[in-house]
Amino acid sequence: MRYWLLVACLIALPVTADVFTYIDAQGNRVFTDRPGAGNAKRVPITPSNRMSANPTAAPPVAAGKKNEARAPFHYDMVRVLIPEPDATVRSSAGELIVSVTSEPGLQRGHRFRLLLDDEPVAEPGPSPVFPLSDVDRGSHHLSVEILDEQGRTVERTANQPFHMLRISLAQKRQAKPCAQEDYGQRPECPLKDRPEEQKSSFLPFF
């Protein structure tokens, strides 16, 4: 009974006071706030939990999680796959297929947007493939953006150069002249340009 009374006294001590314990001459454990009594040893006290004065206020940890949830998603890698950097594309119509990729894959609600010479060339969308046509002859650069649901830029690649070499029909015909059977089959060999077949100079005999 005396032990529990001493424990009650210990609880009643101020939380900021140091508590000591020792065994008295009768073999009883004694708790006190006086360090000089007997061979008293300090008793370690675990800090008490504290409640917020405003119970409706969100705890700091919850606020941290809320801020973390609002952090923008980060892609480890976004780049243009095709054409390769500094590639030369040959097309008489200035056509090419651009392919892009990301790691991890495109997240839900995000969209790719391709830029040619810093100008968007198509509506943003989930497809990583962009067909282009009538690209002017000369050097250009490509870049790709990833947009979120609000149209904000999440990621953007650096500009990647390529070179468009548009071969004219005349150059194609010069490189490979049109044969009689090519007219109407090859774009550079239209039917209207097919020469008339030479007629034989020998008259048929009756």
N, C-alpha and C. Protein backbone atom coordinates (compact mmCIF):
# COMPACT_ATOMS: atom_id res chain seq x y z
N MET A 1 0.83 -1.20 0.00
CA MET A 1 0.00 0.00 0.00
C MET A 1 0.86 1.25 0.00
N ARG A 2 1.94 1.17 0.74
CA ARG A 2 2.84 2.32 0.81
C ARG A 2 3.49 2.59 -0.54
N TYR A 3 3.77 1.49 -1.29
CA TYR A 3 4.39 1.64 -2.61
C TYR A 3 3.49 2.42 -3.55
N TRP A 4 2.21 2.08 -3.57
CA TRP A 4 1.29 2.78 -4.45
C TRP A 4 1.11 4.23 -4.04
N LEU A 5 1.20 4.51 -2.73
CA LEU A 5 1.12 5.88 -2.28
C LEU A 5 2.30 6.69 -2.79
N LEU A 6 3.47 6.05 -2.79
CA LEU A 6 4.66 6.74 -3.30
C LEU A 6 4.55 6.99 -4.80
N VAL A 7 3.97 6.01 -5.51
CA VAL A 7 3.77 6.19 -6.95
C VAL A 7 2.82 7.35 -7.21
N ALA A 8 1.77 7.46 -6.36
CA ALA A 8 0.82 8.57 -6.52
C ALA A 8 1.51 9.90 -6.28
N CYS A 9 2.42 9.91 -5.30
CA CYS A 9 3.17 11.14 -5.05
C CYS A 9 4.05 11.49 -6.24
N LEU A 10 4.61 10.46 -6.87
CA LEU A 10 5.46 10.68 -8.06
C LEU A 10 4.66 11.31 -9.18
N ILE A 11 3.44 10.81 -9.39
CA ILE A 11 2.60 11.36 -10.46
C ILE A 11 2.23 12.80 -10.18
N ALA A 12 2.07 13.10 -8.86
CA ALA A 12 1.66 14.46 -8.48
C ALA A 12 2.77 15.47 -8.61
N LEU A 13 4.03 15.02 -8.78
CA LEU A 13 5.15 15.94 -8.91
C LEU A 13 5.05 16.72 -10.21
N PRO A 14 5.54 17.92 -10.26
CA PRO A 14 5.51 18.70 -11.51
C PRO A 14 6.27 17.96 -12.60
N VAL A 15 5.79 18.07 -13.83
CA VAL A 15 6.40 17.34 -14.93
C VAL A 15 7.79 17.88 -15.23
N THR A 16 8.09 19.09 -14.84
CA THR A 16 9.40 19.66 -15.12
C THR A 16 10.42 19.34 -14.04
N ALA A 17 9.97 18.76 -12.85
CA ALA A 17 10.88 18.48 -11.74
C ALA A 17 11.61 17.17 -11.98
N ASP A 18 12.84 17.06 -11.47
CA ASP A 18 13.59 15.82 -11.54
C ASP A 18 13.10 14.89 -10.43
N VAL A 19 13.03 13.59 -10.74
CA VAL A 19 12.57 12.59 -9.78
C VAL A 19 13.71 11.63 -9.50
N PHE A 20 13.91 11.28 -8.22
CA PHE A 20 14.96 10.37 -7.80
C PHE A 20 14.35 9.24 -6.99
N THR A 21 15.04 8.10 -6.94
CA THR A 21 14.55 6.94 -6.19
C THR A 21 15.70 6.27 -5.47
N TYR A 22 15.37 5.65 -4.31
CA TYR A 22 16.36 4.89 -3.55
C TYR A 22 15.61 3.90 -2.66
N ILE A 23 16.37 2.96 -2.09
CA ILE A 23 15.82 1.97 -1.16
C ILE A 23 16.16 2.40 0.26
N ASP A 24 15.13 2.53 1.11
CA ASP A 24 15.40 2.97 2.48
C ASP A 24 15.86 1.82 3.35
N ALA A 25 16.05 2.08 4.65
CA ALA A 25 16.59 1.07 5.57
C ALA A 25 15.65 -0.11 5.75
N GLN A 26 14.34 0.09 5.52
CA GLN A 26 13.38 -1.00 5.68
C GLN A 26 13.18 -1.78 4.38
N GLY A 27 13.95 -1.42 3.34
CA GLY A 27 13.83 -2.13 2.07
C GLY A 27 12.72 -1.63 1.17
N ASN A 28 12.18 -0.46 1.48
CA ASN A 28 11.12 0.11 0.65
C ASN A 28 11.71 1.07 -0.39
N ARG A 29 11.09 1.04 -1.57
CA ARG A 29 11.53 1.98 -2.61
C ARG A 29 10.87 3.32 -2.36
N VAL A 30 11.70 4.36 -2.37
CA VAL A 30 11.23 5.71 -2.08
C VAL A 30 11.48 6.59 -3.31
N PHE A 31 10.47 7.40 -3.65
CA PHE A 31 10.60 8.38 -4.73
C PHE A 31 10.62 9.77 -4.12
N THR A 32 11.51 10.62 -4.62
CA THR A 32 11.65 11.95 -4.07
C THR A 32 12.17 12.90 -5.12
N ASP A 33 12.04 14.21 -4.86
CA ASP A 33 12.60 15.22 -5.76
C ASP A 33 13.90 15.78 -5.20
N ARG A 34 14.43 15.13 -4.14
CA ARG A 34 15.67 15.58 -3.52
C ARG A 34 16.80 14.62 -3.90
N PRO A 35 17.78 15.09 -4.66
CA PRO A 35 18.85 14.19 -5.12
C PRO A 35 19.78 13.74 -4.01
N GLY A 36 19.80 14.42 -2.85
CA GLY A 36 20.78 14.09 -1.83
C GLY A 36 20.33 13.01 -0.88
N ALA A 37 19.12 12.49 -0.99
CA ALA A 37 18.62 11.51 -0.03
C ALA A 37 19.17 10.13 -0.35
N GLY A 38 19.92 9.53 0.60
CA GLY A 38 20.47 8.19 0.41
C GLY A 38 21.31 8.10 -0.84
N ASN A 39 21.26 6.96 -1.50
CA ASN A 39 21.95 6.78 -2.78
C ASN A 39 20.93 6.93 -3.92
N ALA A 40 20.26 8.06 -3.89
CA ALA A 40 19.18 8.27 -4.85
C ALA A 40 19.72 8.33 -6.28
N LYS A 41 18.93 7.73 -7.20
CA LYS A 41 19.26 7.75 -8.62
C LYS A 41 18.14 8.45 -9.38
N ARG A 42 18.55 9.16 -10.40
CA ARG A 42 17.57 9.89 -11.21
C ARG A 42 16.68 8.89 -11.97
N VAL A 43 15.40 9.17 -12.00
CA VAL A 43 14.44 8.34 -12.73
C VAL A 43 14.17 9.00 -14.08
N PRO A 44 14.46 8.31 -15.21
CA PRO A 44 14.15 8.90 -16.54
C PRO A 44 12.64 9.01 -16.73
N ILE A 45 12.19 10.16 -17.18
CA ILE A 45 10.77 10.42 -17.39
C ILE A 45 10.53 10.71 -18.86
N THR A 46 9.60 9.97 -19.45
CA THR A 46 9.25 10.20 -20.86
C THR A 46 8.43 11.47 -20.98
N PRO A 47 8.75 12.37 -21.92
CA PRO A 47 7.97 13.61 -22.08
C PRO A 47 6.51 13.30 -22.32
N SER A 48 5.66 14.06 -21.70
CA SER A 48 4.22 13.83 -21.84
C SER A 48 3.73 14.35 -23.18
N ASN A 49 2.65 13.74 -23.69
CA ASN A 49 2.02 14.22 -24.91
C ASN A 49 1.30 15.52 -24.65
N ARG A 50 1.28 16.40 -25.62
CA ARG A 50 0.61 17.68 -25.48
C ARG A 50 -0.48 17.80 -26.52
N MET A 51 -1.63 18.26 -26.13
CA MET A 51 -2.73 18.47 -27.05
C MET A 51 -2.75 19.92 -27.50
N SER A 52 -3.14 20.11 -28.73
CA SER A 52 -3.22 21.46 -29.26
C SER A 52 -4.32 22.24 -28.58
N ALA A 53 -4.08 23.53 -28.37
CA ALA A 53 -5.12 24.37 -27.77
C ALA A 53 -6.32 24.48 -28.68
N ASN A 54 -6.10 24.29 -29.99
CA ASN A 54 -7.20 24.33 -30.95
C ASN A 54 -7.38 22.93 -31.51
N PRO A 55 -8.33 22.14 -31.00
CA PRO A 55 -8.46 20.74 -31.43
C PRO A 55 -8.84 20.59 -32.89
N THR A 56 -9.38 21.64 -33.51
CA THR A 56 -9.79 21.54 -34.91
C THR A 56 -8.64 21.82 -35.87
N ALA A 57 -7.54 22.34 -35.36
CA ALA A 57 -6.42 22.68 -36.23
C ALA A 57 -5.75 21.41 -36.71
N ALA A 58 -5.33 21.37 -37.96
CA ALA A 58 -4.66 20.19 -38.52
C ALA A 58 -3.26 20.08 -37.95
N PRO A 59 -2.80 18.88 -37.59
CA PRO A 59 -1.45 18.72 -37.06
C PRO A 59 -0.42 18.99 -38.13
N PRO A 60 0.81 19.35 -37.73
CA PRO A 60 1.85 19.67 -38.71
C PRO A 60 2.11 18.56 -39.71
N VAL A 61 2.01 17.30 -39.28
CA VAL A 61 2.29 16.19 -40.18
C VAL A 61 1.27 16.15 -41.30
N ALA A 62 0.00 16.35 -40.95
CA ALA A 62 -1.05 16.33 -41.96
C ALA A 62 -0.84 17.45 -42.96
N ALA A 63 -0.41 18.62 -42.49
CA ALA A 63 -0.17 19.74 -43.40
C ALA A 63 0.96 19.40 -44.36
N GLY A 64 1.97 18.70 -43.86
CA GLY A 64 3.09 18.31 -44.72
C GLY A 64 2.64 17.36 -45.80
N LYS A 65 1.75 16.41 -45.43
CA LYS A 65 1.26 15.46 -46.43
C LYS A 65 0.42 16.16 -47.47
N LYS A 66 -0.34 17.18 -47.05
CA LYS A 66 -1.16 17.92 -48.00
C LYS A 66 -0.29 18.64 -49.01
N ASN A 67 0.80 19.26 -48.55
CA ASN A 67 1.70 19.96 -49.46
C ASN A 67 2.38 18.98 -50.40
N GLU A 68 2.71 17.80 -49.87
CA GLU A 68 3.37 16.80 -50.71
C GLU A 68 2.44 16.32 -51.82
N ALA A 69 1.15 16.21 -51.53
CA ALA A 69 0.20 15.75 -52.54
C ALA A 69 0.05 16.78 -53.66
N ARG A 70 0.29 18.05 -53.36
CA ARG A 70 0.17 19.09 -54.37
C ARG A 70 1.42 19.26 -55.21
N ALA A 71 2.49 18.59 -54.85
CA ALA A 71 3.74 18.73 -55.59
C ALA A 71 3.56 18.21 -57.02
N PRO A 72 4.07 18.90 -58.04
CA PRO A 72 3.91 18.45 -59.43
C PRO A 72 4.64 17.15 -59.68
N PHE A 73 4.07 16.34 -60.59
CA PHE A 73 4.70 15.07 -60.94
C PHE A 73 5.96 15.32 -61.73
N HIS A 74 6.99 14.51 -61.49
CA HIS A 74 8.27 14.68 -62.17
C HIS A 74 8.57 13.45 -63.01
N TYR A 75 8.89 13.68 -64.29
CA TYR A 75 9.30 12.59 -65.19
C TYR A 75 10.82 12.46 -65.15
N ASP A 76 11.29 11.23 -65.09
CA ASP A 76 12.73 10.99 -65.07
C ASP A 76 13.37 11.30 -66.43
N MET A 77 12.59 11.08 -67.51
CA MET A 77 13.16 11.30 -68.84
C MET A 77 12.04 11.62 -69.83
N VAL A 78 12.27 12.64 -70.67
CA VAL A 78 11.39 12.97 -71.78
C VAL A 78 12.29 13.35 -72.95
N ARG A 79 12.06 12.73 -74.14
CA ARG A 79 12.93 13.08 -75.27
C ARG A 79 12.27 12.74 -76.60
N VAL A 80 12.85 13.29 -77.66
CA VAL A 80 12.44 12.99 -79.03
C VAL A 80 13.24 11.79 -79.51
N LEU A 81 12.54 10.72 -79.90
CA LEU A 81 13.23 9.52 -80.39
C LEU A 81 13.59 9.64 -81.87
N ILE A 82 12.62 10.05 -82.68
CA ILE A 82 12.79 10.15 -84.13
C ILE A 82 12.26 11.51 -84.57
N PRO A 83 13.04 12.25 -85.36
CA PRO A 83 14.37 11.92 -85.88
C PRO A 83 15.45 12.06 -84.81
N GLU A 84 16.56 11.39 -85.02
CA GLU A 84 17.67 11.48 -84.08
C GLU A 84 18.31 12.87 -84.14
N PRO A 85 19.04 13.25 -83.12
CA PRO A 85 19.66 14.58 -83.11
C PRO A 85 20.55 14.81 -84.32
N ASP A 86 20.40 15.95 -84.97
CA ASP A 86 21.20 16.37 -86.12
C ASP A 86 21.00 15.47 -87.34
N ALA A 87 19.85 14.78 -87.41
CA ALA A 87 19.58 13.90 -88.54
C ALA A 87 19.19 14.71 -89.78
N THR A 88 19.42 14.11 -90.95
CA THR A 88 19.01 14.71 -92.22
C THR A 88 17.83 13.92 -92.76
N VAL A 89 16.72 14.60 -93.00
CA VAL A 89 15.51 13.97 -93.51
C VAL A 89 15.34 14.38 -94.96
N ARG A 90 15.19 13.40 -95.84
CA ARG A 90 15.02 13.65 -97.28
C ARG A 90 13.57 13.38 -97.67
N SER A 91 12.91 14.41 -98.14
CA SER A 91 11.51 14.28 -98.55
C SER A 91 11.17 15.41 -99.49
N SER A 92 10.65 15.07 -100.68
CA SER A 92 10.29 16.12 -101.64
C SER A 92 9.10 16.94 -101.14
N ALA A 93 8.24 16.33 -100.30
CA ALA A 93 7.07 17.03 -99.77
C ALA A 93 7.33 17.59 -98.37
N GLY A 94 8.54 17.47 -97.86
CA GLY A 94 8.85 17.96 -96.53
C GLY A 94 8.14 17.20 -95.43
N GLU A 95 8.01 15.89 -95.61
CA GLU A 95 7.28 15.08 -94.64
C GLU A 95 8.23 14.32 -93.73
N LEU A 96 7.82 14.13 -92.47
CA LEU A 96 8.55 13.28 -91.53
C LEU A 96 7.62 12.87 -90.41
N ILE A 97 7.98 11.78 -89.74
CA ILE A 97 7.24 11.28 -88.59
C ILE A 97 8.10 11.52 -87.35
N VAL A 98 7.54 12.22 -86.37
CA VAL A 98 8.24 12.50 -85.11
C VAL A 98 7.68 11.58 -84.03
N SER A 99 8.58 10.92 -83.31
CA SER A 99 8.19 10.03 -82.23
C SER A 99 8.86 10.49 -80.94
N VAL A 100 8.08 10.55 -79.84
CA VAL A 100 8.60 11.00 -78.54
C VAL A 100 8.34 9.92 -77.50
N THR A 101 9.00 10.03 -76.36
CA THR A 101 8.81 9.06 -75.28
C THR A 101 9.07 9.72 -73.94
N SER A 102 8.59 9.06 -72.88
CA SER A 102 8.82 9.56 -71.52
C SER A 102 9.01 8.38 -70.58
N GLU A 103 9.68 8.63 -69.47
CA GLU A 103 9.89 7.60 -68.44
C GLU A 103 9.67 8.24 -67.07
N PRO A 104 8.68 7.79 -66.29
CA PRO A 104 7.69 6.76 -66.63
C PRO A 104 6.75 7.21 -67.73
N GLY A 105 5.85 6.32 -68.12
CA GLY A 105 4.92 6.63 -69.19
C GLY A 105 4.02 7.81 -68.84
N LEU A 106 3.35 8.32 -69.87
CA LEU A 106 2.49 9.49 -69.71
C LEU A 106 1.44 9.22 -68.64
N GLN A 107 1.34 10.11 -67.66
CA GLN A 107 0.39 9.95 -66.57
C GLN A 107 -1.02 10.34 -66.99
N ARG A 108 -1.99 9.84 -66.23
CA ARG A 108 -3.39 10.11 -66.55
C ARG A 108 -3.66 11.61 -66.52
N GLY A 109 -4.31 12.10 -67.56
CA GLY A 109 -4.63 13.52 -67.65
C GLY A 109 -3.53 14.36 -68.28
N HIS A 110 -2.32 13.79 -68.47
CA HIS A 110 -1.23 14.53 -69.10
C HIS A 110 -1.26 14.33 -70.62
N ARG A 111 -0.64 15.27 -71.34
CA ARG A 111 -0.65 15.23 -72.81
C ARG A 111 0.70 15.69 -73.35
N PHE A 112 1.04 15.12 -74.51
CA PHE A 112 2.24 15.55 -75.23
C PHE A 112 1.88 16.73 -76.14
N ARG A 113 2.84 17.66 -76.29
CA ARG A 113 2.70 18.73 -77.28
C ARG A 113 4.04 18.91 -77.97
N LEU A 114 4.02 18.80 -79.30
CA LEU A 114 5.24 18.92 -80.09
C LEU A 114 5.41 20.35 -80.57
N LEU A 115 6.66 20.83 -80.51
CA LEU A 115 6.98 22.17 -80.99
C LEU A 115 8.05 22.09 -82.07
N LEU A 116 7.81 22.77 -83.18
CA LEU A 116 8.76 22.88 -84.28
C LEU A 116 9.22 24.33 -84.32
N ASP A 117 10.51 24.53 -84.09
CA ASP A 117 11.06 25.89 -84.03
C ASP A 117 10.29 26.73 -83.01
N ASP A 118 10.00 26.13 -81.84
CA ASP A 118 9.34 26.77 -80.69
C ASP A 118 7.87 27.08 -80.93
N GLU A 119 7.28 26.55 -82.00
CA GLU A 119 5.86 26.77 -82.27
C GLU A 119 5.12 25.44 -82.25
N PRO A 120 3.97 25.36 -81.54
CA PRO A 120 3.19 24.11 -81.53
C PRO A 120 2.74 23.75 -82.93
N VAL A 121 2.81 22.47 -83.26
CA VAL A 121 2.46 22.02 -84.61
C VAL A 121 1.17 21.21 -84.62
N ALA A 122 0.62 20.88 -83.45
CA ALA A 122 -0.62 20.11 -83.38
C ALA A 122 -1.22 20.29 -82.00
N GLU A 123 -2.48 19.88 -81.87
CA GLU A 123 -3.15 19.95 -80.58
C GLU A 123 -2.51 18.94 -79.62
N PRO A 124 -2.35 19.30 -78.33
CA PRO A 124 -1.80 18.35 -77.37
C PRO A 124 -2.67 17.10 -77.28
N GLY A 125 -2.04 15.96 -77.06
CA GLY A 125 -2.78 14.71 -76.97
C GLY A 125 -1.94 13.61 -76.35
N PRO A 126 -2.53 12.44 -76.14
CA PRO A 126 -1.80 11.33 -75.51
C PRO A 126 -0.89 10.57 -76.45
N SER A 127 -1.05 10.78 -77.77
CA SER A 127 -0.24 10.02 -78.73
C SER A 127 1.20 10.52 -78.75
N PRO A 128 2.18 9.58 -78.76
CA PRO A 128 3.58 9.98 -78.83
C PRO A 128 4.10 10.11 -80.27
N VAL A 129 3.22 10.03 -81.26
CA VAL A 129 3.63 10.08 -82.67
C VAL A 129 2.97 11.29 -83.33
N PHE A 130 3.79 12.06 -84.08
CA PHE A 130 3.31 13.28 -84.74
C PHE A 130 3.75 13.26 -86.20
N PRO A 131 2.83 13.13 -87.15
CA PRO A 131 3.19 13.25 -88.57
C PRO A 131 3.24 14.72 -88.97
N LEU A 132 4.32 15.11 -89.64
CA LEU A 132 4.47 16.49 -90.11
C LEU A 132 4.61 16.48 -91.63
N SER A 133 4.17 17.57 -92.26
CA SER A 133 4.28 17.69 -93.71
C SER A 133 4.58 19.13 -94.07
N ASP A 134 5.11 19.30 -95.27
CA ASP A 134 5.43 20.63 -95.80
C ASP A 134 6.37 21.42 -94.88
N VAL A 135 7.34 20.71 -94.31
CA VAL A 135 8.37 21.37 -93.51
C VAL A 135 9.36 22.03 -94.46
N ASP A 136 9.67 23.27 -94.25
CA ASP A 136 10.55 24.00 -95.16
C ASP A 136 11.94 23.37 -95.23
N ARG A 137 12.56 23.56 -96.37
CA ARG A 137 13.94 23.10 -96.55
C ARG A 137 14.86 23.85 -95.60
N GLY A 138 15.83 23.15 -95.02
CA GLY A 138 16.81 23.78 -94.14
C GLY A 138 16.86 23.15 -92.77
N SER A 139 17.51 23.82 -91.84
CA SER A 139 17.71 23.31 -90.48
C SER A 139 16.57 23.79 -89.57
N HIS A 140 16.14 22.89 -88.69
CA HIS A 140 15.06 23.18 -87.74
C HIS A 140 15.41 22.54 -86.40
N HIS A 141 14.59 22.81 -85.39
CA HIS A 141 14.75 22.10 -84.13
C HIS A 141 13.38 21.72 -83.57
N LEU A 142 13.36 20.58 -82.89
CA LEU A 142 12.16 20.03 -82.29
C LEU A 142 12.29 20.00 -80.78
N SER A 143 11.18 20.11 -80.10
CA SER A 143 11.13 19.90 -78.66
C SER A 143 9.73 19.40 -78.32
N VAL A 144 9.60 18.73 -77.18
CA VAL A 144 8.31 18.20 -76.77
C VAL A 144 8.04 18.63 -75.33
N GLU A 145 6.78 18.96 -75.07
CA GLU A 145 6.33 19.33 -73.74
C GLU A 145 5.33 18.30 -73.24
N ILE A 146 5.24 18.18 -71.91
CA ILE A 146 4.17 17.42 -71.27
C ILE A 146 3.34 18.40 -70.47
N LEU A 147 2.04 18.44 -70.77
CA LEU A 147 1.11 19.36 -70.11
C LEU A 147 0.22 18.59 -69.14
N ASP A 148 -0.16 19.24 -68.02
CA ASP A 148 -1.07 18.61 -67.08
C ASP A 148 -2.52 18.97 -67.42
N GLU A 149 -3.45 18.63 -66.52
CA GLU A 149 -4.88 18.83 -66.79
C GLU A 149 -5.22 20.30 -66.97
N GLN A 150 -4.49 21.20 -66.33
CA GLN A 150 -4.75 22.64 -66.44
C GLN A 150 -3.97 23.30 -67.58
N GLY A 151 -3.27 22.49 -68.39
CA GLY A 151 -2.50 23.04 -69.49
C GLY A 151 -1.17 23.62 -69.09
N ARG A 152 -0.73 23.35 -67.86
CA ARG A 152 0.57 23.83 -67.40
C ARG A 152 1.67 22.89 -67.84
N THR A 153 2.83 23.45 -68.14
CA THR A 153 3.96 22.64 -68.60
C THR A 153 4.60 21.92 -67.42
N VAL A 154 4.59 20.59 -67.47
CA VAL A 154 5.21 19.76 -66.43
C VAL A 154 6.68 19.52 -66.77
N GLU A 155 6.95 19.16 -68.02
CA GLU A 155 8.31 18.93 -68.48
C GLU A 155 8.46 19.47 -69.90
N ARG A 156 9.71 19.84 -70.27
CA ARG A 156 10.00 20.23 -71.65
C ARG A 156 11.44 19.85 -71.96
N THR A 157 11.64 19.29 -73.15
CA THR A 157 12.97 18.89 -73.56
C THR A 157 13.74 20.07 -74.13
N ALA A 158 15.03 19.89 -74.23
CA ALA A 158 15.85 20.88 -74.92
C ALA A 158 15.59 20.79 -76.43
N ASN A 159 15.93 21.84 -77.17
CA ASN A 159 15.75 21.83 -78.62
C ASN A 159 16.69 20.82 -79.26
N GLN A 160 16.13 20.01 -80.17
CA GLN A 160 16.90 18.97 -80.87
C GLN A 160 16.93 19.29 -82.37
N PRO A 161 18.10 19.51 -82.94
CA PRO A 161 18.16 19.94 -84.34
C PRO A 161 17.98 18.78 -85.33
N PHE A 162 17.46 19.12 -86.51
CA PHE A 162 17.43 18.20 -87.65
C PHE A 162 17.45 19.05 -88.92
N HIS A 163 17.67 18.40 -90.05
CA HIS A 163 17.83 19.11 -91.32
C HIS A 163 16.91 18.49 -92.37
N MET A 164 16.09 19.33 -92.99
CA MET A 164 15.16 18.86 -94.01
C MET A 164 15.76 19.11 -95.40
N LEU A 165 15.91 18.03 -96.16
CA LEU A 165 16.44 18.11 -97.52
C LEU A 165 15.30 17.75 -98.46
N ARG A 166 14.74 18.75 -99.12
CA ARG A 166 13.62 18.53 -100.04
C ARG A 166 14.16 18.43 -101.46
N ILE A 167 13.99 17.28 -102.06
CA ILE A 167 14.48 17.02 -103.41
C ILE A 167 13.35 17.35 -104.39
N SER A 168 13.65 18.19 -105.37
CA SER A 168 12.64 18.56 -106.36
C SER A 168 12.42 17.41 -107.34
N LEU A 169 11.29 17.48 -108.05
CA LEU A 169 11.00 16.45 -109.05
C LEU A 169 12.05 16.45 -110.16
N ALA A 170 12.51 17.65 -110.49
CA ALA A 170 13.53 17.73 -111.53
C ALA A 170 14.82 17.04 -111.09
N GLN A 171 15.17 17.20 -109.80
CA GLN A 171 16.37 16.55 -109.29
C GLN A 171 16.22 15.03 -109.28
N LYS A 172 15.01 14.57 -108.96
CA LYS A 172 14.77 13.13 -108.98
C LYS A 172 14.87 12.57 -110.40
N ARG A 173 14.30 13.31 -111.35
CA ARG A 173 14.36 12.84 -112.74
C ARG A 173 15.79 12.87 -113.25
N GLN A 174 16.58 13.84 -112.77
CA GLN A 174 17.97 13.92 -113.20
C GLN A 174 18.78 12.76 -112.60
N ALA A 175 18.47 12.42 -111.33
CA ALA A 175 19.19 11.31 -110.69
C ALA A 175 18.80 9.97 -111.30
N LYS A 176 17.51 9.83 -111.67
CA LYS A 176 17.03 8.59 -112.28
C LYS A 176 16.08 8.97 -113.40
N PRO A 177 16.56 9.01 -114.61
CA PRO A 177 15.72 9.42 -115.74
C PRO A 177 14.49 8.54 -115.87
N CYS A 178 13.43 9.14 -116.40
CA CYS A 178 12.17 8.42 -116.56
C CYS A 178 12.24 7.50 -117.78
N ALA A 179 11.93 6.25 -117.55
CA ALA A 179 11.79 5.31 -118.66
C ALA A 179 10.34 5.35 -119.15
N GLN A 180 10.10 4.76 -120.29
CA GLN A 180 8.76 4.81 -120.88
C GLN A 180 7.71 4.25 -119.92
N GLU A 181 8.08 3.18 -119.22
CA GLU A 181 7.11 2.55 -118.32
C GLU A 181 6.97 3.29 -116.98
N ASP A 182 7.82 4.30 -116.72
CA ASP A 182 7.76 5.05 -115.46
C ASP A 182 6.70 6.15 -115.48
N TYR A 183 6.30 6.56 -116.70
CA TYR A 183 5.35 7.67 -116.77
C TYR A 183 3.99 7.22 -116.25
N GLY A 184 3.47 8.03 -115.34
CA GLY A 184 2.21 7.67 -114.69
C GLY A 184 2.40 6.81 -113.45
N GLN A 185 3.63 6.36 -113.21
CA GLN A 185 3.91 5.51 -112.05
C GLN A 185 4.72 6.25 -110.99
N ARG A 186 5.65 7.07 -111.44
CA ARG A 186 6.47 7.85 -110.51
C ARG A 186 5.99 9.30 -110.50
N PRO A 187 5.93 9.93 -109.30
CA PRO A 187 5.44 11.33 -109.24
C PRO A 187 6.22 12.28 -110.13
N GLU A 188 7.51 12.02 -110.26
CA GLU A 188 8.32 12.91 -111.09
C GLU A 188 8.22 12.59 -112.58
N CYS A 189 7.42 11.61 -112.90
CA CYS A 189 7.24 11.23 -114.30
C CYS A 189 5.75 11.21 -114.66
N PRO A 190 5.11 12.38 -114.75
CA PRO A 190 3.68 12.42 -115.05
C PRO A 190 3.41 12.01 -116.50
N LEU A 191 2.18 11.55 -116.74
CA LEU A 191 1.81 11.08 -118.07
C LEU A 191 1.90 12.18 -119.12
N LYS A 192 1.62 13.41 -118.71
CA LYS A 192 1.63 14.51 -119.68
C LYS A 192 3.02 14.77 -120.24
N ASP A 193 4.04 14.33 -119.54
CA ASP A 193 5.41 14.54 -120.02
C ASP A 193 5.95 13.35 -120.81
N ARG A 194 5.13 12.32 -120.96
CA ARG A 194 5.64 11.15 -121.68
C ARG A 194 5.79 11.47 -123.17
N PRO A 195 6.97 11.24 -123.72
CA PRO A 195 7.17 11.53 -125.15
C PRO A 195 6.42 10.54 -126.03
N GLU A 196 6.05 11.00 -127.21
CA GLU A 196 5.34 10.12 -128.13
C GLU A 196 6.30 9.06 -128.67
N GLU A 197 5.73 7.88 -128.85
CA GLU A 197 6.55 6.80 -129.38
C GLU A 197 6.84 7.07 -130.86
N GLN A 198 8.06 6.79 -131.24
CA GLN A 198 8.46 7.01 -132.62
C GLN A 198 7.84 5.92 -133.50
N LYS A 199 7.23 6.36 -134.62
CA LYS A 199 6.60 5.42 -135.55
C LYS A 199 7.64 4.90 -136.53
N SER A 200 7.42 3.70 -136.95
CA SER A 200 8.35 3.07 -137.89
C SER A 200 8.23 3.76 -139.25
N SER A 201 9.40 3.94 -139.89
CA SER A 201 9.43 4.62 -141.21
C SER A 201 9.08 3.67 -142.36
N PHE A 202 8.96 2.37 -142.07
CA PHE A 202 8.63 1.41 -143.13
C PHE A 202 7.12 1.31 -143.28
N LEU A 203 6.64 1.53 -144.56
CA LEU A 203 5.20 1.42 -144.84
C LEU A 203 4.84 -0.04 -145.01
N PRO A 204 3.71 -0.43 -144.55
CA PRO A 204 3.32 -1.84 -144.72
C PRO A 204 3.04 -2.11 -146.20
N PHE A 205 3.41 -3.29 -146.64
CA PHE A 205 3.15 -3.70 -148.03
C PHE A 205 1.87 -4.49 -148.10
N PHE A 206 1.05 -4.18 -149.11
CA PHE A 206 -0.20 -4.89 -149.32
C PHE A 206 -0.01 -5.86 -150.48
